[in-house]
Amino acid sequence: MKINLMTIKWGTKFQPDYPNLIHRMAKRWMPCEFDSYCMTDNGDGLDSDIRIVECTEKWLWDDVIDNCQGQQQWWFWDAVKMSLFAPKLCGIEGRILFSDLDNLFLDDMSRVINTEPPAIIPTNWMPGYHVGMHGGNYFLTMLFNASLIYVDNTSPVTNHIWEHFKKHYEKARGSLYSSDAYLWRCHRDKMNTYPQGTVYSHSRGAKYPDKQKYKYRPDHAVCVFMEDFEPDPLDIREGWEADICKQYL
């Protein structure tokens, strides 16, 4: 089995060290052959074995750049994340593992890639499902987290999700908080989730009610930094997070 590892870097929030870090951690922990891609507007500083690609769904890319302003800026990232479900995205066919740039890989990734795609993180660290509002949009206290998405873009299930998203894109952008919420609300019967003990939240722990925040959990494969209030991994100057990053950079 071969995996296509995908990151997205746009603008100046994240420097090249972030996709490089994901790529180098994957070299250590990915149990199979993989190619690395970065969807970006500026490939300067990326490792030479990361392939630079542009989003081939131009209608989506142009629309989110032009229209997702102010309170809807998050839909720039979430809409482009949804393009992972498109057939032959960036000319890539097969299994794609997307990682947010502020994730840390801590252990063997077999539990991730052996999950049948399409797969997403279950938010076991949350107390349960409820609906609220954020900026006029529905907010689902999420049973899904899209920091790590695994798809097979040759699969009819994946293609169905993409076609549904294209058809209902305007409605989703106007009424839902994020891609996490869209996938939960519209496709939770089609999405698989990684096994308990595979992914945990840096700020919320592994399973509710987990009181041990910011803990190093090397028995988990991935740690996600999901909150706006917490620093990104490379901004942490001491502690286990900094020690992990220093191994690769």
C-alpha atoms as a PDB file:
ATOM      1  CA  MET A   1       0.000   0.000   0.000  1.00  0.00           C
ATOM      2  CA  LYS A   2       1.206   3.496  -0.869  1.00  0.00           C
ATOM      3  CA  ILE A   3      -0.017   6.675   0.825  1.00  0.00           C
ATOM      4  CA  ASN A   4      -0.073  10.259  -0.430  1.00  0.00           C
ATOM      5  CA  LEU A   5       0.618  12.621   2.468  1.00  0.00           C
ATOM      6  CA  MET A   6      -0.930  16.070   1.988  1.00  0.00           C
ATOM      7  CA  THR A   7      -0.483  19.350   3.837  1.00  0.00           C
ATOM      8  CA  ILE A   8      -1.837  22.822   3.030  1.00  0.00           C
ATOM      9  CA  LYS A   9       0.234  25.963   3.602  1.00  0.00           C
ATOM     10  CA  TRP A  10      -1.223  29.277   2.476  1.00  0.00           C
ATOM     11  CA  GLY A  11      -0.180  32.795   3.374  1.00  0.00           C
ATOM     12  CA  THR A  12       2.246  33.622   6.164  1.00  0.00           C
ATOM     13  CA  LYS A  13       0.726  32.063   9.302  1.00  0.00           C
ATOM     14  CA  PHE A  14       2.858  28.924   8.963  1.00  0.00           C
ATOM     15  CA  GLN A  15       6.476  28.917   7.855  1.00  0.00           C
ATOM     16  CA  PRO A  16       8.056  26.120   5.749  1.00  0.00           C
ATOM     17  CA  ASP A  17       9.278  24.403   8.921  1.00  0.00           C
ATOM     18  CA  TYR A  18       5.719  23.195   9.561  1.00  0.00           C
ATOM     19  CA  PRO A  19       5.162  21.091   6.407  1.00  0.00           C
ATOM     20  CA  ASN A  20       8.797  20.006   6.674  1.00  0.00           C
ATOM     21  CA  LEU A  21       8.146  18.819  10.236  1.00  0.00           C
ATOM     22  CA  ILE A  22       5.071  16.802   9.178  1.00  0.00           C
ATOM     23  CA  HIS A  23       7.041  15.261   6.313  1.00  0.00           C
ATOM     24  CA  ARG A  24      10.022  14.329   8.489  1.00  0.00           C
ATOM     25  CA  MET A  25       7.855  12.881  11.259  1.00  0.00           C
ATOM     26  CA  ALA A  26       6.060  10.790   8.637  1.00  0.00           C
ATOM     27  CA  LYS A  27       9.420   9.466   7.425  1.00  0.00           C
ATOM     28  CA  ARG A  28       9.958   8.046  10.887  1.00  0.00           C
ATOM     29  CA  TRP A  29       6.467   6.806  11.707  1.00  0.00           C
ATOM     30  CA  MET A  30       4.748   5.904   8.425  1.00  0.00           C
ATOM     31  CA  PRO A  31       4.845   2.096   8.098  1.00  0.00           C
ATOM     32  CA  CYS A  32       4.572   2.104   4.308  1.00  0.00           C
ATOM     33  CA  GLU A  33       5.857   3.919   1.246  1.00  0.00           C
ATOM     34  CA  PHE A  34       4.475   7.435   0.805  1.00  0.00           C
ATOM     35  CA  ASP A  35       4.801  10.544  -1.334  1.00  0.00           C
ATOM     36  CA  SER A  36       4.589  13.968   0.282  1.00  0.00           C
ATOM     37  CA  TYR A  37       2.652  16.903  -1.197  1.00  0.00           C
ATOM     38  CA  CYS A  38       2.064  20.462  -0.054  1.00  0.00           C
ATOM     39  CA  MET A  39      -0.762  22.532  -1.529  1.00  0.00           C
ATOM     40  CA  THR A  40       0.693  26.025  -1.260  1.00  0.00           C
ATOM     41  CA  ASP A  41       1.031  29.479  -2.759  1.00  0.00           C
ATOM     42  CA  ASN A  42       4.751  29.575  -1.910  1.00  0.00           C
ATOM     43  CA  GLY A  43       7.002  26.525  -1.901  1.00  0.00           C
ATOM     44  CA  ASP A  44      10.169  28.338  -0.815  1.00  0.00           C
ATOM     45  CA  GLY A  45      11.993  26.528   1.961  1.00  0.00           C
ATOM     46  CA  LEU A  46      10.180  23.210   1.619  1.00  0.00           C
ATOM     47  CA  ASP A  47      12.183  19.999   1.666  1.00  0.00           C
ATOM     48  CA  SER A  48      13.193  18.931  -1.838  1.00  0.00           C
ATOM     49  CA  ASP A  49      11.233  15.661  -1.607  1.00  0.00           C
ATOM     50  CA  ILE A  50       7.940  17.462  -0.874  1.00  0.00           C
ATOM     51  CA  ARG A  51       6.042  17.938  -4.130  1.00  0.00           C
ATOM     52  CA  ILE A  52       4.464  21.380  -4.520  1.00  0.00           C
ATOM     53  CA  VAL A  53       0.933  21.310  -5.939  1.00  0.00           C
ATOM     54  CA  GLU A  54      -1.952  23.699  -6.574  1.00  0.00           C
ATOM     55  CA  CYS A  55      -5.609  22.996  -5.889  1.00  0.00           C
ATOM     56  CA  THR A  56      -7.055  21.717  -9.174  1.00  0.00           C
ATOM     57  CA  GLU A  57     -10.599  22.632  -8.111  1.00  0.00           C
ATOM     58  CA  LYS A  58     -10.142  26.233  -9.255  1.00  0.00           C
ATOM     59  CA  TRP A  59     -13.787  27.241  -8.743  1.00  0.00           C
ATOM     60  CA  LEU A  60     -13.467  26.384  -5.075  1.00  0.00           C
ATOM     61  CA  TRP A  61     -10.049  27.909  -4.574  1.00  0.00           C
ATOM     62  CA  ASP A  62     -11.005  31.203  -6.246  1.00  0.00           C
ATOM     63  CA  ASP A  63     -14.329  31.422  -4.432  1.00  0.00           C
ATOM     64  CA  VAL A  64     -12.973  30.917  -0.944  1.00  0.00           C
ATOM     65  CA  ILE A  65     -10.176  33.420  -1.561  1.00  0.00           C
ATOM     66  CA  ASP A  66     -12.614  36.023  -2.885  1.00  0.00           C
ATOM     67  CA  ASN A  67     -15.527  35.521  -0.506  1.00  0.00           C
ATOM     68  CA  CYS A  68     -14.465  33.945   2.779  1.00  0.00           C
ATOM     69  CA  GLN A  69     -13.690  37.101   4.690  1.00  0.00           C
ATOM     70  CA  GLY A  70     -14.234  38.230   8.262  1.00  0.00           C
ATOM     71  CA  GLN A  71     -16.119  35.695  10.329  1.00  0.00           C
ATOM     72  CA  GLN A  72     -16.035  33.163   7.494  1.00  0.00           C
ATOM     73  CA  GLN A  73     -12.284  33.084   7.029  1.00  0.00           C
ATOM     74  CA  TRP A  74     -12.155  29.593   8.522  1.00  0.00           C
ATOM     75  CA  TRP A  75     -14.086  28.359   5.472  1.00  0.00           C
ATOM     76  CA  PHE A  76     -11.024  29.087   3.353  1.00  0.00           C
ATOM     77  CA  TRP A  77      -9.245  26.194   5.033  1.00  0.00           C
ATOM     78  CA  ASP A  78     -12.282  23.989   5.516  1.00  0.00           C
ATOM     79  CA  ALA A  79     -13.489  24.255   1.925  1.00  0.00           C
ATOM     80  CA  VAL A  80     -10.034  23.459   0.573  1.00  0.00           C
ATOM     81  CA  LYS A  81      -9.844  20.525   3.002  1.00  0.00           C
ATOM     82  CA  MET A  82     -13.054  19.220   1.456  1.00  0.00           C
ATOM     83  CA  SER A  83     -11.361  19.185  -1.954  1.00  0.00           C
ATOM     84  CA  LEU A  84      -9.445  16.151  -0.643  1.00  0.00           C
ATOM     85  CA  PHE A  85     -12.587  14.201  -1.537  1.00  0.00           C
ATOM     86  CA  ALA A  86     -12.388  15.260  -5.199  1.00  0.00           C
ATOM     87  CA  PRO A  87     -11.317  12.666  -7.800  1.00  0.00           C
ATOM     88  CA  LYS A  88      -7.744  13.140  -9.021  1.00  0.00           C
ATOM     89  CA  LEU A  89      -7.091  16.120  -6.757  1.00  0.00           C
ATOM     90  CA  CYS A  90      -3.848  17.731  -7.966  1.00  0.00           C
ATOM     91  CA  GLY A  91      -3.474  14.743 -10.275  1.00  0.00           C
ATOM     92  CA  ILE A  92      -3.250  12.381  -7.296  1.00  0.00           C
ATOM     93  CA  GLU A  93      -5.200   9.137  -7.253  1.00  0.00           C
ATOM     94  CA  GLY A  94      -5.576   6.739  -4.353  1.00  0.00           C
ATOM     95  CA  ARG A  95      -5.237   7.096  -0.622  1.00  0.00           C
ATOM     96  CA  ILE A  96      -4.536  10.572   0.729  1.00  0.00           C
ATOM     97  CA  LEU A  97      -3.708  11.286   4.363  1.00  0.00           C
ATOM     98  CA  PHE A  98      -4.204  14.975   5.111  1.00  0.00           C
ATOM     99  CA  SER A  99      -2.591  16.470   8.215  1.00  0.00           C
ATOM    100  CA  ASP A 100      -3.007  19.923   9.690  1.00  0.00           C
ATOM    101  CA  LEU A 101       0.342  21.660  10.063  1.00  0.00           C
ATOM    102  CA  ASP A 102       0.046  21.888  13.851  1.00  0.00           C
ATOM    103  CA  ASN A 103      -0.106  18.132  14.490  1.00  0.00           C
ATOM    104  CA  LEU A 104       2.657  16.069  16.048  1.00  0.00           C
ATOM    105  CA  PHE A 105       3.241  12.442  15.069  1.00  0.00           C
ATOM    106  CA  LEU A 106       4.369  10.490  18.128  1.00  0.00           C
ATOM    107  CA  ASP A 107       4.229   6.811  17.210  1.00  0.00           C
ATOM    108  CA  ASP A 108       3.662   4.278  14.446  1.00  0.00           C
ATOM    109  CA  MET A 109       0.902   5.442  12.086  1.00  0.00           C
ATOM    110  CA  SER A 110      -0.420   1.953  11.306  1.00  0.00           C
ATOM    111  CA  ARG A 111      -3.602   2.514  13.318  1.00  0.00           C
ATOM    112  CA  VAL A 112      -4.329   5.559  11.174  1.00  0.00           C
ATOM    113  CA  ILE A 113      -3.719   4.131   7.714  1.00  0.00           C
ATOM    114  CA  ASN A 114      -5.282   0.752   8.544  1.00  0.00           C
ATOM    115  CA  THR A 115      -8.591   2.507   9.235  1.00  0.00           C
ATOM    116  CA  GLU A 116     -10.871   2.119   6.245  1.00  0.00           C
ATOM    117  CA  PRO A 117     -11.215   5.474   4.446  1.00  0.00           C
ATOM    118  CA  PRO A 118     -12.912   7.882   4.486  1.00  0.00           C
ATOM    119  CA  ALA A 119     -11.818   8.368   8.079  1.00  0.00           C
ATOM    120  CA  ILE A 120     -11.669  11.246  10.530  1.00  0.00           C
ATOM    121  CA  ILE A 121     -10.802  11.912  14.180  1.00  0.00           C
ATOM    122  CA  PRO A 122     -13.523  11.110  16.743  1.00  0.00           C
ATOM    123  CA  THR A 123     -13.589  13.831  19.402  1.00  0.00           C
ATOM    124  CA  ASN A 124     -13.597  11.460  22.355  1.00  0.00           C
ATOM    125  CA  TRP A 125     -12.254  14.321  24.479  1.00  0.00           C
ATOM    126  CA  MET A 126     -15.585  16.182  24.247  1.00  0.00           C
ATOM    127  CA  PRO A 127     -18.542  15.521  26.581  1.00  0.00           C
ATOM    128  CA  GLY A 128     -20.962  14.802  23.737  1.00  0.00           C
ATOM    129  CA  TYR A 129     -23.024  16.317  20.972  1.00  0.00           C
ATOM    130  CA  HIS A 130     -24.788  19.645  21.178  1.00  0.00           C
ATOM    131  CA  VAL A 131     -25.669  22.446  18.796  1.00  0.00           C
ATOM    132  CA  GLY A 132     -24.734  26.047  19.433  1.00  0.00           C
ATOM    133  CA  MET A 133     -24.037  29.155  17.383  1.00  0.00           C
ATOM    134  CA  HIS A 134     -20.791  30.862  16.407  1.00  0.00           C
ATOM    135  CA  GLY A 135     -20.762  33.976  14.254  1.00  0.00           C
ATOM    136  CA  GLY A 136     -24.303  33.212  13.094  1.00  0.00           C
ATOM    137  CA  ASN A 137     -23.393  29.670  12.037  1.00  0.00           C
ATOM    138  CA  TYR A 138     -24.323  26.342  13.584  1.00  0.00           C
ATOM    139  CA  PHE A 139     -21.592  24.958  15.796  1.00  0.00           C
ATOM    140  CA  LEU A 140     -21.593  21.241  16.547  1.00  0.00           C
ATOM    141  CA  THR A 141     -19.587  20.445  19.637  1.00  0.00           C
ATOM    142  CA  MET A 142     -17.897  18.174  17.598  1.00  0.00           C
ATOM    143  CA  LEU A 143     -17.930  14.471  17.363  1.00  0.00           C
ATOM    144  CA  PHE A 144     -15.557  14.861  14.399  1.00  0.00           C
ATOM    145  CA  ASN A 145     -12.296  16.764  14.134  1.00  0.00           C
ATOM    146  CA  ALA A 146     -10.793  17.311  10.671  1.00  0.00           C
ATOM    147  CA  SER A 147      -7.168  17.811  11.728  1.00  0.00           C
ATOM    148  CA  LEU A 148      -6.344  14.402  10.229  1.00  0.00           C
ATOM    149  CA  ILE A 149      -8.454  13.166   7.291  1.00  0.00           C
ATOM    150  CA  TYR A 150      -7.873   9.935   5.390  1.00  0.00           C
ATOM    151  CA  VAL A 151      -9.573   9.384   2.023  1.00  0.00           C
ATOM    152  CA  ASP A 152      -9.412   7.171  -1.031  1.00  0.00           C
ATOM    153  CA  ASN A 153     -10.390   9.482  -3.867  1.00  0.00           C
ATOM    154  CA  THR A 154     -11.102   6.549  -6.184  1.00  0.00           C
ATOM    155  CA  SER A 155     -13.865   5.336  -3.854  1.00  0.00           C
ATOM    156  CA  PRO A 156     -17.547   5.874  -4.800  1.00  0.00           C
ATOM    157  CA  VAL A 157     -18.259   6.865  -1.184  1.00  0.00           C
ATOM    158  CA  THR A 158     -15.607   9.579  -1.266  1.00  0.00           C
ATOM    159  CA  ASN A 159     -16.812  10.813  -4.646  1.00  0.00           C
ATOM    160  CA  HIS A 160     -20.413  10.933  -3.384  1.00  0.00           C
ATOM    161  CA  ILE A 161     -19.345  13.151  -0.483  1.00  0.00           C
ATOM    162  CA  TRP A 162     -17.542  15.471  -2.910  1.00  0.00           C
ATOM    163  CA  GLU A 163     -20.501  15.744  -5.281  1.00  0.00           C
ATOM    164  CA  HIS A 164     -22.817  16.478  -2.348  1.00  0.00           C
ATOM    165  CA  PHE A 165     -20.436  19.159  -1.075  1.00  0.00           C
ATOM    166  CA  LYS A 166     -20.268  20.854  -4.484  1.00  0.00           C
ATOM    167  CA  LYS A 167     -24.051  20.828  -4.766  1.00  0.00           C
ATOM    168  CA  HIS A 168     -24.617  22.236  -1.261  1.00  0.00           C
ATOM    169  CA  TYR A 169     -21.473  24.329  -0.908  1.00  0.00           C
ATOM    170  CA  GLU A 170     -23.190  27.716  -0.587  1.00  0.00           C
ATOM    171  CA  LYS A 171     -25.630  26.409   2.015  1.00  0.00           C
ATOM    172  CA  ALA A 172     -22.879  24.704   3.993  1.00  0.00           C
ATOM    173  CA  ARG A 173     -20.678  27.795   3.976  1.00  0.00           C
ATOM    174  CA  GLY A 174     -23.580  29.936   5.124  1.00  0.00           C
ATOM    175  CA  SER A 175     -24.965  27.747   7.877  1.00  0.00           C
ATOM    176  CA  LEU A 176     -22.268  25.426   9.237  1.00  0.00           C
ATOM    177  CA  TYR A 177     -19.214  26.274  11.271  1.00  0.00           C
ATOM    178  CA  SER A 178     -16.628  24.055   9.613  1.00  0.00           C
ATOM    179  CA  SER A 179     -15.850  20.978   7.546  1.00  0.00           C
ATOM    180  CA  ASP A 180     -16.011  18.969  10.777  1.00  0.00           C
ATOM    181  CA  ALA A 181     -19.606  20.090  11.229  1.00  0.00           C
ATOM    182  CA  TYR A 182     -20.478  19.471   7.572  1.00  0.00           C
ATOM    183  CA  LEU A 183     -19.106  15.925   7.612  1.00  0.00           C
ATOM    184  CA  TRP A 184     -20.813  15.150  10.917  1.00  0.00           C
ATOM    185  CA  ARG A 185     -24.163  16.605   9.931  1.00  0.00           C
ATOM    186  CA  CYS A 186     -24.341  15.277   6.371  1.00  0.00           C
ATOM    187  CA  HIS A 187     -22.098  12.201   6.141  1.00  0.00           C
ATOM    188  CA  ARG A 188     -21.508  10.688   9.564  1.00  0.00           C
ATOM    189  CA  ASP A 189     -22.982   7.390   8.340  1.00  0.00           C
ATOM    190  CA  LYS A 190     -20.251   7.217   5.666  1.00  0.00           C
ATOM    191  CA  MET A 191     -17.232   8.297   7.734  1.00  0.00           C
ATOM    192  CA  ASN A 192     -15.104   5.900   9.762  1.00  0.00           C
ATOM    193  CA  THR A 193     -13.148   7.058  12.798  1.00  0.00           C
ATOM    194  CA  TYR A 194      -9.683   6.146  14.052  1.00  0.00           C
ATOM    195  CA  PRO A 195      -9.642   3.716  16.988  1.00  0.00           C
ATOM    196  CA  GLN A 196      -9.690   5.055  20.540  1.00  0.00           C
ATOM    197  CA  GLY A 197      -6.115   5.631  21.650  1.00  0.00           C
ATOM    198  CA  THR A 198      -4.885   6.740  18.218  1.00  0.00           C
ATOM    199  CA  VAL A 199      -5.315  10.551  18.306  1.00  0.00           C
ATOM    200  CA  TYR A 200      -5.659  12.927  21.247  1.00  0.00           C
ATOM    201  CA  SER A 201      -6.056  16.648  21.839  1.00  0.00           C
ATOM    202  CA  HIS A 202      -3.117  18.570  23.271  1.00  0.00           C
ATOM    203  CA  SER A 203      -5.397  20.859  25.279  1.00  0.00           C
ATOM    204  CA  ARG A 204      -8.300  18.506  26.081  1.00  0.00           C
ATOM    205  CA  GLY A 205      -6.727  15.094  26.532  1.00  0.00           C
ATOM    206  CA  ALA A 206      -7.677  11.686  25.196  1.00  0.00           C
ATOM    207  CA  LYS A 207     -11.124  10.814  26.506  1.00  0.00           C
ATOM    208  CA  TYR A 208     -13.658  12.910  28.404  1.00  0.00           C
ATOM    209  CA  PRO A 209     -13.416  13.731  31.274  1.00  0.00           C
ATOM    210  CA  ASP A 210      -9.620  13.822  30.944  1.00  0.00           C
ATOM    211  CA  LYS A 211      -8.092  16.340  33.370  1.00  0.00           C
ATOM    212  CA  GLN A 212      -4.491  15.861  32.225  1.00  0.00           C
ATOM    213  CA  LYS A 213      -3.983  18.617  29.676  1.00  0.00           C
ATOM    214  CA  TYR A 214      -0.789  19.112  27.653  1.00  0.00           C
ATOM    215  CA  LYS A 215       0.453  15.623  28.503  1.00  0.00           C
ATOM    216  CA  TYR A 216       2.924  13.630  26.434  1.00  0.00           C
ATOM    217  CA  ARG A 217       1.173  10.400  25.372  1.00  0.00           C
ATOM    218  CA  PRO A 218       3.624   8.319  23.305  1.00  0.00           C
ATOM    219  CA  ASP A 219       1.130   5.440  23.172  1.00  0.00           C
ATOM    220  CA  HIS A 220      -0.954   7.613  20.803  1.00  0.00           C
ATOM    221  CA  ALA A 221       0.051   8.099  17.171  1.00  0.00           C
ATOM    222  CA  VAL A 222      -0.957  11.770  16.801  1.00  0.00           C
ATOM    223  CA  CYS A 223      -1.393  14.819  19.026  1.00  0.00           C
ATOM    224  CA  VAL A 224      -3.580  17.587  17.567  1.00  0.00           C
ATOM    225  CA  PHE A 225      -3.308  21.264  18.539  1.00  0.00           C
ATOM    226  CA  MET A 226      -6.907  22.319  17.951  1.00  0.00           C
ATOM    227  CA  GLU A 227      -7.603  25.397  20.053  1.00  0.00           C
ATOM    228  CA  ASP A 228      -7.060  29.001  18.992  1.00  0.00           C
ATOM    229  CA  PHE A 229      -5.728  29.872  22.452  1.00  0.00           C
ATOM    230  CA  GLU A 230      -2.873  27.350  22.481  1.00  0.00           C
ATOM    231  CA  PRO A 231       0.486  27.959  20.781  1.00  0.00           C
ATOM    232  CA  ASP A 232       1.496  26.056  17.683  1.00  0.00           C
ATOM    233  CA  PRO A 233       4.071  23.309  18.318  1.00  0.00           C
ATOM    234  CA  LEU A 234       7.089  25.220  16.994  1.00  0.00           C
ATOM    235  CA  ASP A 235       6.213  28.224  19.184  1.00  0.00           C
ATOM    236  CA  ILE A 236       6.674  26.163  22.377  1.00  0.00           C
ATOM    237  CA  ARG A 237      10.236  26.753  23.584  1.00  0.00           C
ATOM    238  CA  GLU A 238      10.577  24.099  26.292  1.00  0.00           C
ATOM    239  CA  GLY A 239       8.930  20.882  27.373  1.00  0.00           C
ATOM    240  CA  TRP A 240       8.209  17.630  25.559  1.00  0.00           C
ATOM    241  CA  GLU A 241       6.655  19.433  22.584  1.00  0.00           C
ATOM    242  CA  ALA A 242       9.862  21.388  21.940  1.00  0.00           C
ATOM    243  CA  ASP A 243      11.945  18.234  22.396  1.00  0.00           C
ATOM    244  CA  ILE A 244       9.893  16.426  19.739  1.00  0.00           C
ATOM    245  CA  CYS A 245      10.272  19.259  17.229  1.00  0.00           C
ATOM    246  CA  LYS A 246      14.022  19.536  17.815  1.00  0.00           C
ATOM    247  CA  GLN A 247      14.450  15.912  16.759  1.00  0.00           C
ATOM    248  CA  TYR A 248      13.377  16.793  13.228  1.00  0.00           C
ATOM    249  CA  LEU A 249      14.455  20.405  12.619  1.00  0.00           C
END
